Amino acid sequence: MGGLGDMVNKAKDMLGGDAGVDDAIDQAADAVKEKTPDAVDGAVDQAAQIAKDNI
């Protein structure tokens, strides 16, 4: 089997497993929140959680 699943697993391994992926998503969310108005923080947090739940 190949494809997207393999790519996701390789990315997870490069980031140090699931915890590393979660940290990377949190860092990306924090970067977005620094550059956008506070009013969108909740949406950014929701998007980050959805990404964590689906990766």
N, C-alpha and C. Protein backbone atom coordinates (compact mmCIF):
# COMPACT_ATOMS: atom_id res chain seq x y z
N MET A 1 0.85 -1.18 0.00
CA MET A 1 0.00 0.00 0.00
C MET A 1 0.89 1.23 0.00
N GLY A 2 0.46 2.28 -0.54
CA GLY A 2 1.24 3.50 -0.57
C GLY A 2 0.33 4.68 -0.46
N GLY A 3 0.80 5.77 -0.95
CA GLY A 3 -0.06 6.93 -1.02
C GLY A 3 -0.01 7.83 0.19
N LEU A 4 -1.14 8.46 0.43
CA LEU A 4 -1.23 9.49 1.46
C LEU A 4 -0.94 8.95 2.85
N GLY A 5 -1.41 7.77 3.16
CA GLY A 5 -1.17 7.18 4.47
C GLY A 5 0.31 7.04 4.77
N ASP A 6 1.07 6.59 3.78
CA ASP A 6 2.51 6.46 3.96
C ASP A 6 3.17 7.82 4.16
N MET A 7 2.72 8.81 3.41
CA MET A 7 3.29 10.16 3.56
C MET A 7 2.99 10.71 4.94
N VAL A 8 1.77 10.51 5.44
CA VAL A 8 1.41 10.99 6.77
C VAL A 8 2.27 10.31 7.83
N ASN A 9 2.44 9.00 7.70
CA ASN A 9 3.25 8.27 8.67
C ASN A 9 4.70 8.71 8.64
N LYS A 10 5.23 8.97 7.45
CA LYS A 10 6.62 9.46 7.35
C LYS A 10 6.74 10.84 7.99
N ALA A 11 5.76 11.70 7.77
CA ALA A 11 5.79 13.04 8.38
C ALA A 11 5.72 12.93 9.89
N LYS A 12 4.86 12.05 10.40
CA LYS A 12 4.78 11.84 11.85
C LYS A 12 6.12 11.40 12.41
N ASP A 13 6.75 10.44 11.73
CA ASP A 13 8.05 9.95 12.19
C ASP A 13 9.08 11.07 12.22
N MET A 14 9.08 11.91 11.19
CA MET A 14 10.04 13.01 11.13
C MET A 14 9.81 14.02 12.25
N LEU A 15 8.56 14.18 12.67
CA LEU A 15 8.24 15.14 13.72
C LEU A 15 8.30 14.53 15.12
N GLY A 16 8.64 13.27 15.21
CA GLY A 16 8.76 12.64 16.51
C GLY A 16 7.49 11.96 16.98
N GLY A 17 6.68 11.47 16.08
CA GLY A 17 5.46 10.77 16.45
C GLY A 17 4.29 11.70 16.62
N ASP A 18 3.20 11.15 17.18
CA ASP A 18 1.97 11.93 17.32
C ASP A 18 2.16 13.19 18.17
N ALA A 19 2.96 13.09 19.24
CA ALA A 19 3.19 14.26 20.10
C ALA A 19 3.91 15.36 19.32
N GLY A 20 4.84 14.97 18.46
CA GLY A 20 5.55 15.95 17.65
C GLY A 20 4.62 16.64 16.65
N VAL A 21 3.70 15.86 16.11
CA VAL A 21 2.73 16.43 15.17
C VAL A 21 1.84 17.43 15.89
N ASP A 22 1.36 17.06 17.07
CA ASP A 22 0.52 17.97 17.85
C ASP A 22 1.26 19.25 18.18
N ASP A 23 2.54 19.13 18.54
CA ASP A 23 3.34 20.33 18.83
C ASP A 23 3.48 21.22 17.60
N ALA A 24 3.71 20.60 16.45
CA ALA A 24 3.86 21.37 15.21
C ALA A 24 2.57 22.09 14.86
N ILE A 25 1.44 21.42 15.05
CA ILE A 25 0.14 22.05 14.78
C ILE A 25 -0.08 23.21 15.74
N ASP A 26 0.27 23.02 17.01
CA ASP A 26 0.12 24.10 17.99
C ASP A 26 1.00 25.29 17.64
N GLN A 27 2.22 25.03 17.18
CA GLN A 27 3.12 26.12 16.79
C GLN A 27 2.55 26.87 15.59
N ALA A 28 2.01 26.15 14.64
CA ALA A 28 1.42 26.80 13.47
C ALA A 28 0.21 27.64 13.88
N ALA A 29 -0.62 27.10 14.76
CA ALA A 29 -1.80 27.83 15.23
C ALA A 29 -1.38 29.10 15.98
N ASP A 30 -0.35 28.99 16.81
CA ASP A 30 0.13 30.17 17.53
C ASP A 30 0.64 31.24 16.57
N ALA A 31 1.34 30.81 15.53
CA ALA A 31 1.85 31.76 14.53
C ALA A 31 0.70 32.47 13.83
N VAL A 32 -0.34 31.73 13.50
CA VAL A 32 -1.50 32.33 12.84
C VAL A 32 -2.17 33.32 13.78
N LYS A 33 -2.33 32.93 15.05
CA LYS A 33 -3.00 33.80 16.02
C LYS A 33 -2.23 35.09 16.28
N GLU A 34 -0.88 35.04 16.15
CA GLU A 34 -0.08 36.25 16.32
C GLU A 34 -0.31 37.24 15.18
N LYS A 35 -0.65 36.74 14.01
CA LYS A 35 -0.77 37.58 12.81
C LYS A 35 -2.20 37.99 12.49
N THR A 36 -3.16 37.46 13.22
CA THR A 36 -4.56 37.74 12.93
C THR A 36 -5.24 38.39 14.12
N PRO A 37 -6.39 39.02 13.92
CA PRO A 37 -7.11 39.64 15.03
C PRO A 37 -7.54 38.59 16.06
N ASP A 38 -7.65 39.02 17.31
CA ASP A 38 -8.03 38.12 18.39
C ASP A 38 -9.39 37.46 18.15
N ALA A 39 -10.22 38.09 17.37
CA ALA A 39 -11.56 37.56 17.11
C ALA A 39 -11.52 36.20 16.40
N VAL A 40 -10.42 35.86 15.74
CA VAL A 40 -10.35 34.58 15.03
C VAL A 40 -9.64 33.49 15.82
N ASP A 41 -9.19 33.80 17.01
CA ASP A 41 -8.45 32.81 17.81
C ASP A 41 -9.24 31.53 18.03
N GLY A 42 -10.52 31.67 18.31
CA GLY A 42 -11.35 30.48 18.54
C GLY A 42 -11.43 29.59 17.31
N ALA A 43 -11.56 30.19 16.15
CA ALA A 43 -11.63 29.43 14.91
C ALA A 43 -10.29 28.74 14.63
N VAL A 44 -9.21 29.42 14.92
CA VAL A 44 -7.88 28.84 14.72
C VAL A 44 -7.70 27.64 15.65
N ASP A 45 -8.11 27.80 16.90
CA ASP A 45 -8.00 26.70 17.86
C ASP A 45 -8.85 25.50 17.42
N GLN A 46 -10.05 25.77 16.92
CA GLN A 46 -10.91 24.68 16.43
C GLN A 46 -10.27 23.97 15.25
N ALA A 47 -9.72 24.73 14.33
CA ALA A 47 -9.09 24.13 13.15
C ALA A 47 -7.88 23.29 13.57
N ALA A 48 -7.12 23.79 14.53
CA ALA A 48 -5.96 23.03 15.01
C ALA A 48 -6.41 21.72 15.66
N GLN A 49 -7.47 21.75 16.43
CA GLN A 49 -7.96 20.53 17.06
C GLN A 49 -8.46 19.53 16.04
N ILE A 50 -9.16 20.03 15.02
CA ILE A 50 -9.63 19.15 13.95
C ILE A 50 -8.45 18.50 13.23
N ALA A 51 -7.42 19.28 12.98
CA ALA A 51 -6.22 18.73 12.33
C ALA A 51 -5.59 17.64 13.20
N LYS A 52 -5.47 17.90 14.51
CA LYS A 52 -4.90 16.89 15.42
C LYS A 52 -5.74 15.63 15.44
N ASP A 53 -7.05 15.79 15.44
CA ASP A 53 -7.95 14.63 15.51
C ASP A 53 -7.93 13.78 14.24
N ASN A 54 -7.53 14.39 13.12
CA ASN A 54 -7.61 13.69 11.84
C ASN A 54 -6.27 13.28 11.27
N ILE A 55 -5.21 13.58 11.96
CA ILE A 55 -3.88 13.18 11.46
C ILE A 55 -3.39 12.01 12.28
